[in-house]
N, C-alpha and C. Protein backbone atom coordinates (compact mmCIF):
# COMPACT_ATOMS: atom_id res chain seq x y z
N MET A 1 146.89 36.68 125.17
CA MET A 1 145.56 36.51 124.57
C MET A 1 144.59 37.52 125.44
N GLY A 2 143.73 38.10 124.72
CA GLY A 2 142.67 39.03 125.46
C GLY A 2 141.50 38.29 125.67
N TYR A 3 140.75 38.68 126.64
CA TYR A 3 139.23 38.33 126.92
C TYR A 3 138.34 39.60 126.56
N TYR A 4 137.26 39.25 125.75
CA TYR A 4 136.37 40.47 125.30
C TYR A 4 135.17 40.50 126.00
N ILE A 5 134.67 41.61 126.37
CA ILE A 5 133.43 42.01 126.85
C ILE A 5 132.90 43.13 125.83
N ARG A 6 131.72 42.70 125.22
CA ARG A 6 131.16 43.72 124.19
C ARG A 6 129.85 44.26 124.77
N VAL A 7 129.63 45.55 124.49
CA VAL A 7 128.37 46.16 124.55
C VAL A 7 127.88 46.38 123.11
N LEU A 8 126.81 45.77 122.92
CA LEU A 8 126.15 45.98 121.68
C LEU A 8 125.07 46.94 121.83
N SER A 9 125.01 47.83 120.76
CA SER A 9 123.84 48.84 120.98
C SER A 9 123.03 49.20 119.78
N PRO A 10 121.72 49.45 119.99
CA PRO A 10 120.92 49.81 118.72
C PRO A 10 121.11 51.26 118.30
N MET A 11 121.87 52.06 119.01
CA MET A 11 122.20 53.37 118.66
C MET A 11 123.41 53.53 117.89
N GLU A 12 123.55 54.60 116.92
CA GLU A 12 124.68 54.76 116.26
C GLU A 12 125.56 55.95 117.03
N SER A 13 124.89 56.77 117.76
CA SER A 13 125.56 57.75 118.72
C SER A 13 126.23 57.13 119.85
N ALA A 14 127.19 57.82 120.32
CA ALA A 14 127.93 57.31 121.46
C ALA A 14 128.46 58.40 122.34
N PRO A 15 128.74 58.19 123.60
CA PRO A 15 129.25 59.15 124.54
C PRO A 15 130.73 59.51 123.95
N THR A 16 131.19 60.64 124.31
CA THR A 16 132.41 60.92 123.88
C THR A 16 133.42 60.36 124.88
N LEU A 17 134.56 60.34 124.49
CA LEU A 17 135.74 59.81 125.33
C LEU A 17 135.74 60.58 126.67
N ARG A 18 135.60 61.93 126.56
CA ARG A 18 135.68 62.72 127.69
C ARG A 18 134.46 62.38 128.71
N GLU A 19 133.29 62.24 128.17
CA GLU A 19 132.11 61.82 129.05
C GLU A 19 132.35 60.63 129.71
N ILE A 20 132.89 59.45 129.11
CA ILE A 20 133.25 58.19 129.71
C ILE A 20 134.31 58.50 130.76
N CYS A 21 135.39 59.15 130.43
CA CYS A 21 136.48 59.48 131.44
C CYS A 21 135.90 60.37 132.60
N ASP A 22 135.06 61.30 132.29
CA ASP A 22 134.48 61.92 133.47
C ASP A 22 133.72 61.17 134.46
N CYS A 23 132.81 60.09 133.92
CA CYS A 23 132.18 59.24 134.79
C CYS A 23 132.99 58.29 135.54
N LEU A 24 134.25 57.87 134.97
CA LEU A 24 135.19 57.11 135.73
C LEU A 24 135.78 57.84 136.79
N SER A 25 136.16 59.16 136.50
CA SER A 25 136.73 60.00 137.37
C SER A 25 135.85 60.22 138.54
N ASN A 26 134.66 60.48 138.28
CA ASN A 26 133.65 60.83 139.32
C ASN A 26 133.23 59.72 140.27
N ASN A 27 133.71 58.51 139.84
CA ASN A 27 133.37 57.29 140.63
C ASN A 27 134.76 56.89 141.34
N LYS A 28 135.68 57.86 141.20
CA LYS A 28 136.85 57.79 142.03
C LYS A 28 137.94 56.72 141.48
N LEU A 29 137.60 56.27 140.24
CA LEU A 29 138.63 55.23 139.76
C LEU A 29 139.88 55.87 139.12
N LYS A 30 140.99 55.34 139.48
CA LYS A 30 142.25 55.83 138.91
C LYS A 30 142.64 54.99 137.77
N PHE A 31 143.05 55.98 136.63
CA PHE A 31 143.36 55.56 135.35
C PHE A 31 143.88 56.59 134.70
N SER A 32 144.71 56.27 133.54
CA SER A 32 145.14 57.16 132.60
C SER A 32 144.73 56.65 131.28
N ILE A 33 144.88 57.59 130.31
CA ILE A 33 144.55 57.28 128.82
C ILE A 33 145.51 57.62 127.94
N ASN A 34 145.50 57.33 126.64
CA ASN A 34 146.55 57.47 125.68
C ASN A 34 146.21 58.87 124.95
N TYR A 35 145.48 59.68 125.54
CA TYR A 35 145.30 61.05 124.98
C TYR A 35 145.56 62.20 126.03
N SER A 36 145.94 63.36 125.71
CA SER A 36 146.24 64.32 126.76
C SER A 36 144.89 65.03 126.97
N ASN A 37 144.81 65.59 128.20
CA ASN A 37 143.55 66.20 128.60
C ASN A 37 142.96 67.13 127.69
N ASN A 38 143.78 67.90 126.89
CA ASN A 38 143.26 68.80 125.97
C ASN A 38 143.21 68.29 124.54
N SER A 39 143.30 66.98 124.37
CA SER A 39 143.16 66.42 122.98
C SER A 39 141.86 66.59 122.44
N LYS A 40 141.85 66.99 121.14
CA LYS A 40 140.40 67.17 120.59
C LYS A 40 139.72 65.84 120.26
N GLU A 41 140.57 64.64 120.33
CA GLU A 41 139.81 63.44 120.15
C GLU A 41 138.84 63.09 121.38
N LEU A 42 139.27 63.77 122.58
CA LEU A 42 138.35 63.37 123.70
C LEU A 42 136.88 63.88 123.50
N ASN A 43 136.71 64.90 122.59
CA ASN A 43 135.42 65.35 122.33
C ASN A 43 134.71 64.99 120.99
N ASN A 44 135.58 64.00 120.20
CA ASN A 44 135.10 63.58 119.13
C ASN A 44 134.02 62.45 119.24
N LYS A 45 132.82 62.73 118.66
CA LYS A 45 131.68 61.90 118.63
C LYS A 45 131.84 60.53 117.95
N LYS A 46 132.82 60.55 117.03
CA LYS A 46 133.16 59.32 116.16
C LYS A 46 134.50 58.64 116.46
N TRP A 47 134.84 58.52 117.71
CA TRP A 47 135.92 58.05 118.10
C TRP A 47 136.08 56.49 117.88
N LYS A 48 137.29 56.05 117.69
CA LYS A 48 137.31 54.42 117.32
C LYS A 48 138.04 53.71 118.41
N GLN A 49 139.02 54.31 119.30
CA GLN A 49 139.81 53.40 120.25
C GLN A 49 140.24 54.41 121.34
N ILE A 50 140.48 53.78 122.55
CA ILE A 50 140.94 54.31 123.61
C ILE A 50 141.64 53.18 124.50
N LEU A 51 142.85 53.68 125.08
CA LEU A 51 143.53 52.72 125.96
C LEU A 51 143.39 53.21 127.45
N PHE A 52 142.98 52.48 128.28
CA PHE A 52 142.82 52.75 129.81
C PHE A 52 143.89 51.97 130.55
N GLN A 53 144.86 52.78 131.06
CA GLN A 53 145.85 52.18 131.86
C GLN A 53 145.58 52.45 133.42
N TYR A 54 145.34 51.39 133.98
CA TYR A 54 144.79 51.37 135.40
C TYR A 54 146.00 51.16 136.45
N ASP A 55 146.96 50.59 135.94
CA ASP A 55 148.28 50.32 136.63
C ASP A 55 149.42 50.40 135.78
N PRO A 56 150.40 51.25 135.96
CA PRO A 56 151.66 51.55 135.08
C PRO A 56 152.42 50.05 134.82
N LYS A 57 152.31 49.17 135.65
CA LYS A 57 152.82 47.87 135.47
C LYS A 57 151.95 46.76 134.52
N ASN A 58 150.87 47.17 134.35
CA ASN A 58 149.97 46.22 133.55
C ASN A 58 149.71 46.73 132.31
N ILE A 59 149.19 45.83 131.37
CA ILE A 59 148.90 46.04 130.11
C ILE A 59 147.49 46.79 130.00
N PRO A 60 147.28 47.82 129.30
CA PRO A 60 145.94 48.47 129.45
C PRO A 60 144.72 47.92 128.75
N ILE A 61 143.71 48.13 129.30
CA ILE A 61 142.41 47.68 128.73
C ILE A 61 142.21 48.60 127.47
N ILE A 62 141.78 48.01 126.42
CA ILE A 62 141.57 48.61 125.05
C ILE A 62 139.95 48.52 124.80
N LEU A 63 139.56 49.78 124.50
CA LEU A 63 138.16 49.78 124.26
C LEU A 63 138.08 50.25 122.77
N ASP A 64 137.58 49.41 121.83
CA ASP A 64 137.27 49.67 120.40
C ASP A 64 135.87 49.86 120.27
N ARG A 65 135.59 50.86 119.31
CA ARG A 65 134.15 51.23 118.86
C ARG A 65 134.06 50.96 117.32
N ASP A 66 133.21 50.23 116.94
CA ASP A 66 132.68 50.01 115.58
C ASP A 66 131.23 50.20 115.28
N VAL A 67 131.07 51.08 114.35
CA VAL A 67 129.63 51.41 113.94
C VAL A 67 129.33 50.84 112.64
N ILE A 68 128.25 50.24 112.53
CA ILE A 68 127.73 49.67 111.32
C ILE A 68 127.83 50.43 110.08
N SER A 69 127.51 51.79 110.18
CA SER A 69 127.49 52.70 109.10
C SER A 69 129.06 53.06 108.59
N GLU A 70 129.94 52.82 109.54
CA GLU A 70 131.45 53.04 109.17
C GLU A 70 132.26 51.82 108.95
N SER A 71 131.76 50.83 109.68
CA SER A 71 132.56 49.64 109.78
C SER A 71 131.65 48.39 109.46
N LYS A 72 130.76 48.35 108.48
CA LYS A 72 129.73 47.47 108.18
C LYS A 72 130.19 45.93 108.45
N ASN A 73 131.36 45.65 107.65
CA ASN A 73 131.83 44.32 107.70
C ASN A 73 132.19 43.80 109.03
N ILE A 74 132.90 44.58 109.92
CA ILE A 74 133.19 44.20 111.18
C ILE A 74 131.96 43.91 112.07
N VAL A 75 131.05 44.89 112.08
CA VAL A 75 129.82 44.83 112.89
C VAL A 75 129.09 43.54 112.40
N THR A 76 128.73 43.51 111.10
CA THR A 76 127.80 42.52 110.57
C THR A 76 128.30 41.07 110.68
N ASP A 77 129.76 41.16 110.46
CA ASP A 77 130.39 39.69 110.76
C ASP A 77 130.24 39.29 112.20
N GLU A 78 130.52 40.20 113.07
CA GLU A 78 130.45 39.77 114.52
C GLU A 78 129.00 39.37 114.86
N ILE A 79 128.00 40.06 114.27
CA ILE A 79 126.59 39.84 114.71
C ILE A 79 126.26 38.49 114.05
N ASN A 80 126.64 38.10 112.72
CA ASN A 80 126.39 37.02 112.13
C ASN A 80 127.02 35.96 112.82
N GLU A 81 128.19 36.02 113.37
CA GLU A 81 128.88 34.96 114.12
C GLU A 81 127.98 34.53 115.39
N PHE A 82 127.54 35.62 116.00
CA PHE A 82 126.68 35.36 117.36
C PHE A 82 125.33 34.75 116.84
N LEU A 83 124.80 35.12 115.81
CA LEU A 83 123.48 34.55 115.35
C LEU A 83 123.72 33.11 115.01
N ASP A 84 124.93 32.68 114.30
CA ASP A 84 125.17 31.36 114.10
C ASP A 84 125.23 30.42 115.34
N LYS A 85 125.96 31.08 116.33
CA LYS A 85 126.15 30.30 117.54
C LYS A 85 124.86 30.15 118.22
N ILE A 86 123.96 31.15 118.21
CA ILE A 86 122.63 31.02 118.87
C ILE A 86 121.81 30.01 118.24
N ASN A 87 121.82 29.93 116.87
CA ASN A 87 120.90 29.10 116.05
C ASN A 87 121.39 27.52 116.36
N GLU A 88 122.77 27.28 116.89
CA GLU A 88 123.07 26.00 117.22
C GLU A 88 122.73 25.54 118.68
N LEU A 89 122.23 26.51 119.44
CA LEU A 89 121.78 26.14 120.85
C LEU A 89 120.53 25.49 120.77
N GLY A 90 120.36 24.62 121.82
CA GLY A 90 119.01 24.03 122.13
C GLY A 90 117.95 25.14 122.43
N PHE A 91 116.87 24.73 122.84
CA PHE A 91 115.64 25.44 123.22
C PHE A 91 116.11 26.56 124.29
N SER A 92 115.73 27.68 124.23
CA SER A 92 115.93 28.80 125.25
C SER A 92 114.87 29.78 125.14
N LEU A 93 114.15 30.15 126.11
CA LEU A 93 113.14 31.30 126.08
C LEU A 93 113.70 32.55 125.52
N ASN A 94 115.04 32.79 125.81
CA ASN A 94 115.64 34.15 125.45
C ASN A 94 116.33 34.10 124.08
N LYS A 95 116.30 33.16 123.46
CA LYS A 95 117.01 32.91 122.03
C LYS A 95 116.45 33.97 121.18
N GLY A 96 115.16 34.07 120.99
CA GLY A 96 114.50 34.91 120.01
C GLY A 96 114.73 36.47 120.62
N LYS A 97 114.73 36.58 121.90
CA LYS A 97 114.98 38.08 122.12
C LYS A 97 116.19 38.55 121.98
N ILE A 98 117.23 37.78 122.12
CA ILE A 98 118.63 38.12 121.84
C ILE A 98 118.89 38.36 120.44
N LYS A 99 118.30 37.34 119.52
CA LYS A 99 118.36 37.43 118.17
C LYS A 99 117.79 38.83 117.68
N LYS A 100 116.63 39.25 118.14
CA LYS A 100 116.02 40.42 117.70
C LYS A 100 116.85 41.71 118.11
N MET A 101 117.64 41.54 119.39
CA MET A 101 118.36 42.55 119.65
C MET A 101 119.77 42.79 118.90
N LEU A 102 120.24 41.67 118.55
CA LEU A 102 121.31 41.68 117.62
C LEU A 102 121.15 42.12 116.22
N GLN A 103 119.85 41.90 115.77
CA GLN A 103 119.55 42.34 114.43
C GLN A 103 119.25 43.83 114.34
N VAL A 104 118.96 44.58 115.43
CA VAL A 104 118.97 45.97 115.45
C VAL A 104 120.31 46.77 115.90
N THR A 105 121.24 45.93 116.27
CA THR A 105 122.59 46.57 116.72
C THR A 105 123.14 47.13 115.58
N LYS A 106 123.45 48.59 116.03
CA LYS A 106 124.27 49.59 115.22
C LYS A 106 125.64 49.66 115.26
N GLN A 107 126.12 49.38 116.72
CA GLN A 107 127.54 49.65 117.05
C GLN A 107 127.76 48.65 118.02
N ILE A 108 129.19 48.29 118.24
CA ILE A 108 129.75 47.51 119.15
C ILE A 108 130.92 48.07 119.78
N PHE A 109 130.97 48.09 121.12
CA PHE A 109 131.94 48.60 121.81
C PHE A 109 132.69 47.31 122.40
N ALA A 110 133.88 47.21 122.12
CA ALA A 110 134.62 45.73 122.45
C ALA A 110 135.81 46.25 123.47
N LEU A 111 135.76 45.78 124.84
CA LEU A 111 136.69 45.77 125.77
C LEU A 111 137.60 44.78 125.55
N GLN A 112 138.87 44.95 125.33
CA GLN A 112 139.95 43.80 125.32
C GLN A 112 140.67 43.95 126.73
N ILE A 113 140.38 42.88 127.42
CA ILE A 113 140.96 42.80 128.68
C ILE A 113 141.96 41.78 128.86
N PRO A 114 143.35 42.39 129.24
CA PRO A 114 144.43 41.42 129.17
C PRO A 114 144.34 40.44 130.38
N THR A 115 144.26 39.23 129.85
CA THR A 115 144.09 38.19 130.84
C THR A 115 145.24 37.82 131.55
N THR A 116 146.47 38.19 131.06
CA THR A 116 147.81 38.00 131.74
C THR A 116 147.91 38.91 132.92
N ASP A 117 147.17 40.04 132.90
CA ASP A 117 147.42 41.13 133.76
C ASP A 117 146.15 41.12 134.90
N ILE A 118 144.96 40.97 134.15
CA ILE A 118 143.69 41.28 135.13
C ILE A 118 143.32 39.66 135.44
N THR A 119 143.82 39.36 136.56
CA THR A 119 143.36 38.08 137.14
C THR A 119 142.18 38.22 138.18
N GLY A 120 141.77 37.18 138.66
CA GLY A 120 140.64 37.13 139.71
C GLY A 120 140.89 37.99 140.84
N ASN A 121 142.17 38.26 141.26
CA ASN A 121 142.23 39.30 142.41
C ASN A 121 142.86 40.60 142.02
N ASN A 122 142.78 40.84 140.86
CA ASN A 122 143.20 42.29 140.36
C ASN A 122 142.01 43.09 140.25
N TRP A 123 141.47 43.58 141.36
CA TRP A 123 140.15 44.39 141.58
C TRP A 123 140.22 45.75 140.81
N GLU A 124 141.34 46.32 140.76
CA GLU A 124 141.37 47.66 140.17
C GLU A 124 140.94 47.54 138.63
N GLY A 125 141.69 46.69 138.03
CA GLY A 125 141.27 46.41 136.61
C GLY A 125 139.84 46.10 136.28
N TRP A 126 139.39 45.17 137.28
CA TRP A 126 137.90 44.72 137.09
C TRP A 126 136.89 45.92 137.43
N LYS A 127 137.31 46.66 138.37
CA LYS A 127 136.37 47.81 138.77
C LYS A 127 136.25 48.66 137.62
N LEU A 128 137.38 49.02 136.98
CA LEU A 128 137.36 49.93 135.95
C LEU A 128 136.67 49.32 134.64
N THR A 129 136.85 48.19 134.42
CA THR A 129 136.07 47.43 133.41
C THR A 129 134.68 47.44 133.54
N ASP A 130 134.21 47.13 134.75
CA ASP A 130 132.89 47.05 135.09
C ASP A 130 132.10 48.40 135.05
N ALA A 131 132.91 49.43 135.39
CA ALA A 131 132.34 50.85 135.16
C ALA A 131 132.28 51.34 133.90
N ILE A 132 133.15 50.94 133.04
CA ILE A 132 133.06 51.23 131.56
C ILE A 132 131.86 50.59 130.97
N VAL A 133 131.80 49.20 131.19
CA VAL A 133 130.59 48.51 130.67
C VAL A 133 129.23 49.03 131.07
N LYS A 134 129.20 49.36 132.38
CA LYS A 134 127.89 49.86 133.06
C LYS A 134 127.59 51.32 132.43
N TYR A 135 128.53 52.12 132.27
CA TYR A 135 128.27 53.42 131.44
C TYR A 135 127.84 53.32 130.25
N LEU A 136 128.55 52.42 129.30
CA LEU A 136 128.08 52.17 127.94
C LEU A 136 126.75 51.65 127.81
N VAL A 137 126.35 50.59 128.68
CA VAL A 137 125.18 50.07 128.60
C VAL A 137 124.01 51.14 128.91
N GLU A 138 124.30 51.88 130.07
CA GLU A 138 123.35 52.84 130.22
C GLU A 138 123.08 53.92 129.38
N ASN A 139 124.25 54.40 128.64
CA ASN A 139 124.22 55.58 127.75
C ASN A 139 123.90 55.24 126.45
N THR A 140 123.93 53.89 125.90
CA THR A 140 123.66 53.73 124.44
C THR A 140 122.63 52.52 124.36
N ASN A 141 121.76 52.42 125.54
CA ASN A 141 120.65 51.37 125.48
C ASN A 141 121.21 49.91 125.06
N GLY A 142 122.45 49.76 125.61
CA GLY A 142 123.17 48.42 125.13
C GLY A 142 122.77 47.17 125.87
N PHE A 143 123.40 46.08 125.55
CA PHE A 143 123.32 44.84 126.29
C PHE A 143 124.84 44.20 126.07
N VAL A 144 125.04 43.26 126.86
CA VAL A 144 126.44 42.71 126.99
C VAL A 144 126.67 41.28 126.48
N GLN A 145 127.70 41.23 125.83
CA GLN A 145 128.16 39.72 125.51
C GLN A 145 129.60 39.59 126.04
N ALA A 146 129.81 38.55 126.78
CA ALA A 146 131.21 38.16 127.38
C ALA A 146 131.65 37.00 126.87
N ASP A 147 132.89 36.90 126.32
CA ASP A 147 133.50 35.57 125.94
C ASP A 147 133.36 34.55 126.93
N GLY A 148 133.02 33.42 126.39
CA GLY A 148 133.06 32.08 127.35
C GLY A 148 131.75 32.28 128.27
N GLU A 149 130.78 33.24 128.08
CA GLU A 149 129.80 33.33 129.01
C GLU A 149 128.49 33.34 128.09
N GLY A 150 128.26 34.44 127.59
CA GLY A 150 126.86 34.62 126.92
C GLY A 150 126.60 36.00 126.85
N PHE A 151 125.24 36.30 126.83
CA PHE A 151 124.58 37.57 126.63
C PHE A 151 123.98 37.94 128.04
N TYR A 152 124.15 39.17 128.44
CA TYR A 152 123.61 39.73 129.62
C TYR A 152 122.64 40.95 129.27
N ILE A 153 121.48 40.99 129.97
CA ILE A 153 120.71 42.22 129.98
C ILE A 153 120.78 42.50 131.54
N GLY A 154 121.33 43.81 131.70
CA GLY A 154 121.62 44.31 133.05
C GLY A 154 122.65 43.39 133.50
N LYS A 155 122.52 42.95 134.65
CA LYS A 155 123.67 42.02 135.22
C LYS A 155 123.29 40.38 135.28
N LYS A 156 122.07 40.28 134.66
CA LYS A 156 121.56 38.91 134.45
C LYS A 156 121.93 38.20 133.23
N LEU A 157 122.51 37.07 133.37
CA LEU A 157 122.98 36.13 132.23
C LEU A 157 121.60 35.65 131.56
N VAL A 158 121.20 36.09 130.34
CA VAL A 158 120.02 35.55 129.75
C VAL A 158 120.08 34.40 128.89
N LEU A 159 121.42 34.39 128.19
CA LEU A 159 121.66 33.48 127.10
C LEU A 159 123.09 33.01 127.32
N LYS A 160 123.23 31.69 127.73
CA LYS A 160 124.57 31.20 127.71
C LYS A 160 124.96 30.71 126.44
N LEU A 161 126.17 31.10 126.02
CA LEU A 161 126.64 30.53 124.66
C LEU A 161 127.78 29.34 124.66
N GLU A 162 128.43 29.28 125.72
CA GLU A 162 129.31 28.22 125.66
C GLU A 162 128.91 26.99 126.55
């Protein structure tokens, strides 16, 4: 079973896969992907998925991208699930803020992290995941939702869901 970290963004545009990979490489992270270096998919602005292999012995990290204009049901269903969970929470100063941010979300980047392979001491997998999340947040004006945790703005947990 996977653990998900999502970047929710109010923008419909996204960095290309090449831009994401260049950032990771510039940060000296070691990984391979499921595309060749000259693949046209790396420059596609409407990409849907990429697999990041950080260790050949481990299951890759999967990054999926869903945009409301192309995958309306997927994005709106996920947003509605979050809104339902938020509505069940008790009083919180950040409830309204997160609800507003969800209501203007146009796309979701979902990182599926293999919990069987990325454990607490598998730093390479976590470093790669953190770098991907940070890049997407910074380049899409996004915020983060982590399974079993809640919503983050920057590195700060602002609304706990579980």
